[in-house]
Structures are given as structure tokens and as C-alpha cells.
Amino acid sequence: MALRIRIASRRSNLALRQVEILKECFTEDIETHIVEVITSGDQVLDRSLADIGGKGLFIKELENTILKDDADIAVHSMKDMETDIAPNTKIAGVLPRGNRYDVLLGEYDTLDDLPNNAVVGTSSVRRAAFAKSYRPDLKIKLLRGNVLTRIEKLNNGLFDAIILAKAGLDRLKIDLGCIIPKEIIPPASSQGIIAIQSTTNKKTKLEMAVNKIFLSINDINTYSEALAERSMLKTLDGTCRSPISSSAYIINDEDLFLYGAIARPDGSKVIKSEIKGSKKDAVLLGEQLGKELIAKSIGEIIFD
């Protein structure tokens, strides 16, 4: 008898494509039904996420959907997940990481090529801060909406360039833009990672079967990277108002290298550091690097 899994997802093209990527991991005896959810973050597009409640607005309705038993799992872009997720839920697994870097779209190949006072579109305080740290003259303008909507706004001449995640473009098979070096705009925590969130409190055969499936699918190296990155973020109490980069890399399948950076929102000051250790100590490494960045930034970095 086939196992039927109800999957909660945002209604955007990218979110639904990520569900399809997950479904490719399933065996033939698993049936799926997609429960499309319009989140608060998708409904309010004229203000920054920081002004309307943070990145969690993309997540909370999906969490409520699985907690109310209207779906069995939720699929997220992990970078949208706050470090504290809903009680009675867990991250059941992650898929192999996609590209973690950001991309510059427009007629210019690099930030260096942009004219003075160029208008750059992004909804990310991280991208804005690190872009202005590199090019203080840039004019950062709010850019919200799904990927295709953002590209349309660029094509309509509202911006000289826009910055998007490479992973999202890859998943939508959109071959545009040039990768921005990580030394200029370092990646967001968990960027490029698809996460599966499940419940832990129902104690049903279905819940146990679902969690067993995702334990077997879970990509261990990607999961270890996410643990370290999210641990650093939590130590810094990172929110979408905080320009923070946290990026881990597994080396030789055993060691973990974690890079971290925090910035003033206007980009006028950046603090960087890094740490290396065993991937088994991913959470501890994240905590240690977070504390080191806090110590370095005393009197320097101001988080709103």
C-alpha cells in the first residue's frame, strides 16, 4: 500500500519547484499531495520583511498547516527559517545544497562595473550592507516579489541591477547574471538549502514513517553545514534586520570550516572571523564563532 504524504508549500514558482525536487527523492510507492499556502510574507510586498515581522512570515503559516494536521510536512528555503522553529516540529532532513552565492543581474557583470550612484534592488539587509561596504555610493532600493516579478522590474528599468540567489535561478532554470564573489557579498546562513519540517507530537504511524523517510534522505554534510551556520546565527540572535553572513564548508568529509561576518546596516563597518573543527562539533563551532564575532564587534556593530 502506497504511503501518501501531504506537502505544505508556498505558492510561488520557486517554492513549488523545490517540492518537485524533493519528490524526485521519493520511491515509487510514495504518493504526494501539495497543500499550497499563501503566506503573510507573500501578501505584503510594499515593505521590507524587517518592517512586517521578519523572515518567519514565510514560515509560520506553513508550520501551522502541519501542526493543524492539514499537511504532514512543510518544505522551506532554509535561509527563510528562523533559528527557533515551532514547538512540536523539527527539521526532519535537508537535501544536498545548491549554489550558496548571490548573483548580479542587469547589463553589468560586476559591482565594479556599475555607474556611480547606481540603483540596486534587493530585499536583503545582508546584501545591502555588504554591497554598500564595497561600494558606498550605491543606492539600495527595496525589491520584493517572486523571482520572475523581480526580473520583470529590472527589465522595466526600475533598477540598474538587482541581486538574487543563484540557487533559486538554477532551480527555475534561469541562466542570467554573474556570481558575486563571496569576498564581496558573503552568503546568508543556509542559502541554497531545501529543508523539510515535520511534526513530532502526533505519535501516529504516518508521522513515524514520514520522519524515518526523511532521516534516510537527509544529506549529512549539508545538515552539518546548516547546524553550524544556524548555531552562529542564533548566538548572534540574528534576525532579518541583522546583516549577517554565516557559511560553513565540509572538508574531506570530516572537518568543518565556518566563516562569519557581521556588518553595520549602512555597510560602514564589517567584522569577519573564521573557525575550523570536526563536523561532529558543528553546533559548538557555530557558538564559538558567534561569541568571537560579538567580542570583536563591541562598540563597532549596532543591530537594530
Protein backbone atom coordinates (compact mmCIF):
# COMPACT_ATOMS: atom_id res chain seq x y z
CA MET A 1 0.00 0.00 0.00
CA ALA A 2 1.36 3.40 -1.03
CA LEU A 3 2.25 5.97 1.61
CA ARG A 4 0.54 9.32 1.00
CA ILE A 5 2.37 12.44 2.15
CA ARG A 6 0.73 15.87 2.17
CA ILE A 7 3.30 18.59 1.50
CA ALA A 8 2.74 22.21 2.57
CA SER A 9 4.42 24.78 0.33
CA ARG A 10 4.30 28.42 -0.56
CA ARG A 11 2.53 29.05 -3.86
CA SER A 12 5.47 30.71 -5.65
CA ASN A 13 7.03 29.07 -8.70
CA LEU A 14 10.31 28.58 -6.85
CA ALA A 15 8.71 27.02 -3.78
CA LEU A 16 6.70 24.59 -5.89
CA ARG A 17 9.79 23.73 -7.92
CA GLN A 18 11.59 22.88 -4.68
CA VAL A 19 8.77 20.50 -3.82
CA GLU A 20 9.28 18.81 -7.18
CA ILE A 21 12.99 18.45 -6.41
CA LEU A 22 12.08 16.77 -3.13
CA LYS A 23 9.63 14.43 -4.85
CA GLU A 24 12.43 13.22 -7.12
CA CYS A 25 13.98 11.67 -3.99
CA PHE A 26 10.92 9.53 -3.26
CA THR A 27 10.41 5.92 -4.22
CA GLU A 28 7.50 4.93 -6.44
CA ASP A 29 5.42 3.70 -3.50
CA ILE A 30 5.07 7.24 -2.10
CA GLU A 31 2.16 9.37 -3.25
CA THR A 32 2.08 13.11 -2.64
CA HIS A 33 -0.44 15.91 -2.42
CA ILE A 34 0.67 19.55 -2.39
CA VAL A 35 -1.08 21.91 0.00
CA GLU A 36 -0.44 25.42 -1.35
CA VAL A 37 -0.30 28.19 1.26
CA ILE A 38 -0.23 31.94 0.67
CA THR A 39 1.94 33.29 3.48
CA SER A 40 1.89 36.74 5.05
CA GLY A 41 5.34 37.37 3.59
CA ASP A 42 3.93 36.79 0.11
CA GLN A 43 0.97 39.11 0.59
CA VAL A 44 2.69 42.31 1.76
CA LEU A 45 5.18 43.39 -0.89
CA ASP A 46 5.47 47.16 -0.42
CA ARG A 47 7.53 46.98 2.79
CA SER A 48 10.67 45.19 3.87
CA LEU A 49 10.34 41.93 5.77
CA ALA A 50 12.02 43.58 8.74
CA ASP A 51 9.16 46.08 8.93
CA ILE A 52 6.38 43.49 8.85
CA GLY A 53 7.70 40.79 11.16
CA GLY A 54 10.80 39.19 9.68
CA LYS A 55 11.64 36.20 7.51
CA GLY A 56 9.48 33.99 9.68
CA LEU A 57 6.43 35.34 7.84
CA PHE A 58 7.28 32.88 5.03
CA ILE A 59 7.30 30.03 7.52
CA LYS A 60 4.68 30.45 10.25
CA GLU A 61 1.62 29.63 8.14
CA LEU A 62 3.35 26.52 6.82
CA GLU A 63 4.22 25.46 10.37
CA ASN A 64 0.59 25.98 11.40
CA THR A 65 -0.55 23.88 8.45
CA ILE A 66 1.39 20.82 9.62
CA LEU A 67 0.56 21.41 13.29
CA LYS A 68 -3.16 21.54 12.43
CA ASP A 69 -2.71 18.28 10.52
CA ASP A 70 -3.68 19.87 7.21
CA ALA A 71 -0.34 18.62 5.89
CA ASP A 72 2.33 16.16 7.02
CA ILE A 73 5.47 18.11 6.14
CA ALA A 74 6.46 21.60 5.04
CA VAL A 75 9.17 22.39 2.50
CA HIS A 76 11.19 25.57 3.02
CA SER A 77 14.12 27.52 1.70
CA MET A 78 16.11 27.03 4.86
CA LYS A 79 17.54 30.56 4.81
CA ASP A 80 13.98 31.79 5.49
CA MET A 81 13.72 29.74 8.70
CA GLU A 82 14.32 31.47 11.99
CA THR A 83 16.70 29.70 14.36
CA ASP A 84 13.81 28.85 16.71
CA ILE A 85 11.17 26.81 14.89
CA ALA A 86 7.68 25.97 16.13
CA PRO A 87 7.37 23.67 19.16
CA ASN A 88 6.43 20.07 18.33
CA THR A 89 8.22 20.29 14.99
CA LYS A 90 11.73 19.50 13.78
CA ILE A 91 13.92 19.77 10.71
CA ALA A 92 13.46 16.21 9.50
CA GLY A 93 16.06 16.46 6.77
CA VAL A 94 17.77 18.62 4.17
CA LEU A 95 18.60 17.99 0.52
CA PRO A 96 22.10 18.36 -0.96
CA ARG A 97 22.98 22.03 -1.01
CA GLY A 98 22.58 24.10 -4.15
CA ASN A 99 24.76 27.07 -5.05
CA ARG A 100 25.11 29.30 -1.98
CA TYR A 101 26.19 32.52 -3.70
CA ASP A 102 24.44 35.67 -4.87
CA VAL A 103 24.14 36.84 -8.46
CA LEU A 104 24.16 40.31 -10.03
CA LEU A 105 21.58 40.69 -12.78
CA GLY A 106 21.45 43.51 -15.33
CA GLU A 107 23.70 44.82 -18.07
CA TYR A 108 26.70 44.97 -15.74
CA ASP A 109 28.83 41.93 -14.91
CA THR A 110 30.25 43.10 -11.58
CA LEU A 111 29.59 45.63 -8.85
CA ASP A 112 32.74 47.42 -10.06
CA ASP A 113 31.11 47.99 -13.45
CA LEU A 114 28.06 49.77 -12.06
CA PRO A 115 27.99 53.55 -12.62
CA ASN A 116 28.28 55.94 -9.70
CA ASN A 117 25.10 56.09 -7.59
CA ALA A 118 23.62 53.11 -9.41
CA VAL A 119 20.26 51.87 -8.12
CA VAL A 120 20.47 48.24 -6.93
CA GLY A 121 17.39 46.23 -5.96
CA THR A 122 17.31 43.74 -3.08
CA SER A 123 15.11 42.84 -0.13
CA SER A 124 18.06 41.53 1.90
CA VAL A 125 19.68 43.67 4.59
CA ARG A 126 22.75 41.42 4.29
CA ARG A 127 23.14 42.03 0.56
CA ALA A 128 22.50 45.74 1.03
CA ALA A 129 25.04 46.16 3.84
CA PHE A 130 27.87 44.22 2.21
CA ALA A 131 27.22 45.80 -1.20
CA LYS A 132 27.43 49.27 0.35
CA SER A 133 30.54 48.26 2.27
CA TYR A 134 32.16 47.54 -1.09
CA ARG A 135 30.52 50.42 -2.99
CA PRO A 136 29.27 53.11 -0.56
CA ASP A 137 27.85 55.18 -3.42
CA LEU A 138 25.26 52.56 -4.41
CA LYS A 139 21.61 53.40 -3.89
CA ILE A 140 19.84 50.36 -2.45
CA LYS A 141 16.13 50.16 -3.29
CA LEU A 142 13.61 47.67 -1.90
CA LEU A 143 12.83 44.79 -4.25
CA ARG A 144 10.13 42.31 -3.23
CA GLY A 145 8.10 39.68 -5.08
CA ASN A 146 8.84 36.32 -6.66
CA VAL A 147 11.87 35.77 -8.88
CA LEU A 148 10.11 36.44 -12.18
CA THR A 149 8.49 39.60 -10.80
CA ARG A 150 11.86 40.90 -9.66
CA ILE A 151 13.43 40.25 -13.05
CA GLU A 152 10.49 41.99 -14.74
CA LYS A 153 11.05 45.09 -12.59
CA LEU A 154 14.71 45.08 -13.68
CA ASN A 155 13.71 44.78 -17.33
CA ASN A 156 11.27 47.66 -16.89
CA GLY A 157 14.14 49.95 -15.93
CA LEU A 158 13.34 50.39 -12.24
CA PHE A 159 16.88 49.35 -11.28
CA ASP A 160 20.36 49.44 -12.76
CA ALA A 161 20.92 45.95 -11.32
CA ILE A 162 19.33 43.52 -8.90
CA ILE A 163 20.79 40.84 -6.64
CA LEU A 164 19.22 37.37 -6.40
CA ALA A 165 20.21 33.96 -5.07
CA LYS A 166 21.97 31.73 -7.59
CA ALA A 167 20.24 28.62 -6.20
CA GLY A 168 16.78 29.97 -6.97
CA LEU A 169 17.74 30.86 -10.53
CA ASP A 170 19.29 27.43 -11.04
CA ARG A 171 16.16 25.66 -9.79
CA LEU A 172 13.97 27.71 -12.13
CA LYS A 173 16.45 27.06 -14.96
CA ILE A 174 17.08 30.79 -15.44
CA ASP A 175 20.59 31.33 -16.81
CA LEU A 176 21.12 35.01 -16.04
CA GLY A 177 23.56 37.12 -14.09
CA CYS A 178 27.09 36.85 -12.75
CA ILE A 179 28.11 35.39 -9.40
CA ILE A 180 29.24 37.98 -6.86
CA PRO A 181 32.45 36.84 -5.14
CA LYS A 182 31.93 35.72 -1.56
CA GLU A 183 34.66 38.13 -0.50
CA ILE A 184 32.35 41.00 -1.53
CA ILE A 185 28.92 39.68 -0.52
CA PRO A 186 29.32 36.60 1.67
CA PRO A 187 26.42 34.10 1.69
CA ALA A 188 23.45 34.01 4.03
CA SER A 189 23.08 31.25 6.60
CA SER A 190 21.66 28.12 4.90
CA GLN A 191 21.43 29.76 1.48
CA GLY A 192 20.89 27.11 -1.18
CA ILE A 193 19.45 24.54 1.25
CA ILE A 194 15.99 22.97 0.94
CA ALA A 195 14.68 21.89 4.37
CA ILE A 196 11.85 19.53 5.30
CA GLN A 197 9.99 20.33 8.52
CA SER A 198 7.83 17.69 10.18
CA THR A 199 5.88 17.23 13.40
CA THR A 200 6.98 15.28 16.46
CA ASN A 201 3.88 15.29 18.66
CA LYS A 202 1.25 13.29 16.75
CA LYS A 203 2.76 9.89 17.57
CA THR A 204 0.98 8.26 14.64
CA LYS A 205 2.30 5.55 12.34
CA LEU A 206 2.27 8.08 9.50
CA GLU A 207 4.37 10.61 11.42
CA MET A 208 6.89 7.93 12.38
CA ALA A 209 7.05 6.65 8.78
CA VAL A 210 7.49 10.18 7.40
CA ASN A 211 10.30 11.02 9.83
CA LYS A 212 12.04 7.73 9.03
CA ILE A 213 11.91 8.53 5.30
CA PHE A 214 13.47 11.95 5.73
CA LEU A 215 16.13 10.64 8.06
CA SER A 216 17.21 8.35 5.21
CA ILE A 217 17.06 11.19 2.65
CA ASN A 218 18.89 13.71 4.84
CA ASP A 219 22.21 14.90 3.37
CA ILE A 220 24.60 14.69 6.32
CA ASN A 221 27.21 17.18 5.10
CA THR A 222 24.62 19.79 4.18
CA TYR A 223 22.91 19.22 7.52
CA SER A 224 26.21 19.72 9.38
CA GLU A 225 26.83 22.97 7.49
CA ALA A 226 23.33 24.17 8.38
CA LEU A 227 23.80 23.28 12.05
CA ALA A 228 26.99 25.34 12.27
CA GLU A 229 25.57 28.30 10.35
CA ARG A 230 22.31 28.41 12.30
CA SER A 231 24.17 27.99 15.59
CA MET A 232 26.30 31.04 14.83
CA LEU A 233 23.20 32.97 13.79
CA LYS A 234 21.39 32.02 17.00
CA THR A 235 24.36 33.04 19.14
CA LEU A 236 24.28 36.43 17.46
CA ASP A 237 20.47 36.48 17.82
CA GLY A 238 20.32 37.15 14.10
CA THR A 239 17.12 38.47 12.57
CA CYS A 240 16.34 39.81 9.14
CA ARG A 241 17.34 43.25 10.49
CA SER A 242 20.85 41.96 11.12
CA PRO A 243 23.37 41.95 8.24
CA ILE A 244 25.00 38.59 9.00
CA SER A 245 26.81 36.05 6.86
CA SER A 246 27.37 32.53 8.13
CA SER A 247 28.80 29.99 5.72
CA ALA A 248 30.19 26.52 6.51
CA TYR A 249 32.12 24.14 4.28
CA ILE A 250 32.80 20.44 4.87
CA ILE A 251 36.39 19.47 4.13
CA ASN A 252 37.42 15.86 3.42
CA ASP A 253 34.03 14.68 4.67
CA GLU A 254 35.15 15.18 8.27
CA ASP A 255 36.29 18.72 9.07
CA LEU A 256 34.13 21.82 9.04
CA PHE A 257 35.29 25.33 8.16
CA LEU A 258 32.94 28.14 9.22
CA TYR A 259 33.20 31.72 8.03
CA GLY A 260 31.23 34.51 9.69
CA ALA A 261 30.77 38.22 9.09
CA ILE A 262 28.57 40.94 10.55
CA ALA A 263 28.10 44.49 9.34
CA ARG A 264 26.54 47.77 10.22
CA PRO A 265 23.33 48.15 8.21
CA ASP A 266 24.86 51.01 6.22
CA GLY A 267 27.93 48.93 5.42
CA SER A 268 30.30 51.37 7.14
CA LYS A 269 31.88 48.64 9.29
CA VAL A 270 32.37 44.89 8.77
CA ILE A 271 33.73 42.36 11.27
CA LYS A 272 34.89 38.95 9.98
CA SER A 273 36.23 35.77 11.54
CA GLU A 274 36.51 32.03 10.91
CA ILE A 275 36.90 28.73 12.73
CA LYS A 276 37.72 25.13 11.87
CA GLY A 277 37.00 21.83 13.61
CA SER A 278 35.21 18.50 13.33
CA LYS A 279 31.81 18.49 11.64
CA LYS A 280 30.61 16.49 14.66
CA ASP A 281 31.04 19.70 16.65
CA ALA A 282 29.06 21.85 14.19
CA VAL A 283 26.82 23.46 16.81
CA LEU A 284 29.70 24.18 19.18
CA LEU A 285 31.77 25.71 16.38
CA GLY A 286 28.89 27.99 15.48
CA GLU A 287 28.51 29.11 19.09
CA GLN A 288 32.24 29.76 19.43
CA LEU A 289 32.44 31.80 16.24
CA GLY A 290 29.34 33.77 17.18
CA LYS A 291 30.85 34.67 20.57
CA GLU A 292 34.12 35.65 18.90
CA LEU A 293 32.30 37.98 16.50
CA ILE A 294 30.39 39.54 19.40
CA ALA A 295 33.65 40.16 21.24
CA LYS A 296 35.25 41.71 18.16
CA SER A 297 32.24 43.92 17.43
CA ILE A 298 31.81 45.54 20.85
CA GLY A 299 31.41 49.24 20.17
CA GLU A 300 31.55 48.66 16.42
CA ILE A 301 28.41 46.91 15.20
CA ILE A 302 24.90 48.10 16.00
CA PHE A 303 21.99 45.75 15.35
CA ASP A 304 18.59 47.38 15.02
